[in-house]
């Protein structure tokens, strides 16, 4: 899972076929750390999706698409935010 800077999100708007799942997590958050392997395990299952991560280290410098809870998953299709999930899940099966 490669990092994504807030600025480079615009590059996904140029390709209407692009599909990206963005994993946002807070530096030092234990729930975020525990959930990251779940997200990473999805990469080989969905090769058509580009997996990216955005580590937030300072709550005063949140990105413009900051979630209401961490960790979060945001699905972008053609550069547009189409689906979101916030907070950690209880098991890998969810």
Protein backbone atom coordinates (compact mmCIF):
# COMPACT_ATOMS: atom_id res chain seq x y z
CA UNK A 1 0.00 0.00 0.00
CA UNK A 2 1.61 3.21 -1.16
CA UNK A 3 1.26 6.58 0.57
CA UNK A 4 -0.89 9.28 -0.97
CA UNK A 5 -0.40 12.98 -0.55
CA UNK A 6 -3.44 15.23 -0.44
CA UNK A 7 -2.25 17.01 -3.58
CA UNK A 8 -1.98 13.86 -5.71
CA UNK A 9 -5.67 12.96 -5.23
CA UNK A 10 -6.38 15.18 -8.26
CA UNK A 11 -4.49 12.82 -10.57
CA UNK A 12 -7.29 10.27 -10.10
CA UNK A 13 -9.85 12.70 -11.51
CA UNK A 14 -8.28 12.53 -14.97
CA UNK A 15 -9.08 8.82 -15.41
CA UNK A 16 -12.79 8.00 -15.20
CA UNK A 17 -11.95 4.29 -14.86
CA UNK A 18 -9.64 4.70 -11.86
CA UNK A 19 -10.62 2.91 -8.64
CA UNK A 20 -8.74 3.68 -5.45
CA UNK A 21 -9.30 2.65 -1.85
CA UNK A 22 -7.78 5.14 0.55
CA UNK A 23 -6.93 3.97 4.06
CA UNK A 24 -6.64 6.93 6.43
CA UNK A 25 -5.19 6.41 9.85
CA UNK A 26 -3.99 8.45 12.77
CA UNK A 27 -0.37 8.15 13.85
CA UNK A 28 -0.24 6.39 17.24
CA UNK A 29 -3.81 5.02 17.07
CA UNK A 30 -3.91 1.37 18.21
CA UNK A 31 -7.20 0.63 16.37
CA UNK A 32 -5.68 2.04 13.19
CA UNK A 33 -2.53 -0.07 13.62
CA UNK A 34 -4.60 -3.22 14.25
CA UNK A 35 -6.83 -2.60 11.21
CA UNK A 36 -4.03 -1.97 8.71
CA UNK A 37 -3.25 -5.70 8.14
CA UNK A 38 -6.93 -6.26 7.30
CA UNK A 39 -6.75 -3.61 4.60
CA UNK A 40 -3.43 -4.96 3.30
CA UNK A 41 -4.92 -8.46 3.07
CA UNK A 42 -7.52 -7.15 0.59
CA UNK A 43 -4.94 -5.96 -1.95
CA UNK A 44 -4.32 -9.35 -3.63
CA UNK A 45 -8.06 -10.11 -3.64
CA UNK A 46 -8.94 -6.91 -5.53
CA UNK A 47 -6.10 -6.29 -8.02
CA UNK A 48 -8.26 -3.85 -10.00
CA UNK A 49 -8.29 -1.45 -7.03
CA UNK A 50 -5.33 0.77 -6.25
CA UNK A 51 -4.76 0.76 -2.48
CA UNK A 52 -3.29 3.91 -0.94
CA UNK A 53 -2.81 5.15 2.59
CA UNK A 54 -2.75 8.54 4.23
CA UNK A 55 -1.19 8.78 7.68
CA UNK A 56 -2.44 11.75 9.66
CA UNK A 57 0.08 12.81 12.26
CA UNK A 58 -1.44 16.08 13.41
CA UNK A 59 -5.16 16.62 14.05
CA UNK A 60 -4.71 20.32 13.33
CA UNK A 61 -3.68 19.53 9.75
CA UNK A 62 -6.47 17.25 8.53
CA UNK A 63 -6.96 16.82 4.77
CA UNK A 64 -10.02 18.35 3.14
CA UNK A 65 -11.62 14.89 2.88
CA UNK A 66 -10.91 14.00 6.52
CA UNK A 67 -13.20 11.35 8.00
CA UNK A 68 -15.26 11.74 11.18
CA UNK A 69 -13.48 8.72 12.76
CA UNK A 70 -10.27 6.77 12.33
CA UNK A 71 -9.34 4.45 10.81
CA UNK A 72 -11.36 5.03 7.67
CA UNK A 73 -11.69 3.61 4.19
CA UNK A 74 -12.79 5.83 1.33
CA UNK A 75 -13.48 4.43 -2.13
CA UNK A 76 -12.83 6.77 -5.05
CA UNK A 77 -14.06 5.91 -8.57
CA UNK A 78 -12.97 8.21 -11.36
CA UNK A 79 -11.63 10.56 -8.71
CA UNK A 80 -14.98 10.89 -6.95
CA UNK A 81 -15.69 9.73 -3.42
CA UNK A 82 -18.40 7.07 -3.71
CA UNK A 83 -18.27 4.97 -0.52
CA UNK A 84 -16.91 5.32 3.01
CA UNK A 85 -16.45 3.27 6.16
CA UNK A 86 -15.26 4.80 9.42
CA UNK A 87 -13.91 3.09 12.51
CA UNK A 88 -12.38 -0.36 12.96
CA UNK A 89 -14.43 -3.50 12.47
CA UNK A 90 -14.57 -6.32 14.98
CA UNK A 91 -13.29 -9.14 12.77
CA UNK A 92 -11.79 -9.88 9.40
CA UNK A 93 -15.11 -11.27 8.24
CA UNK A 94 -16.92 -7.95 8.30
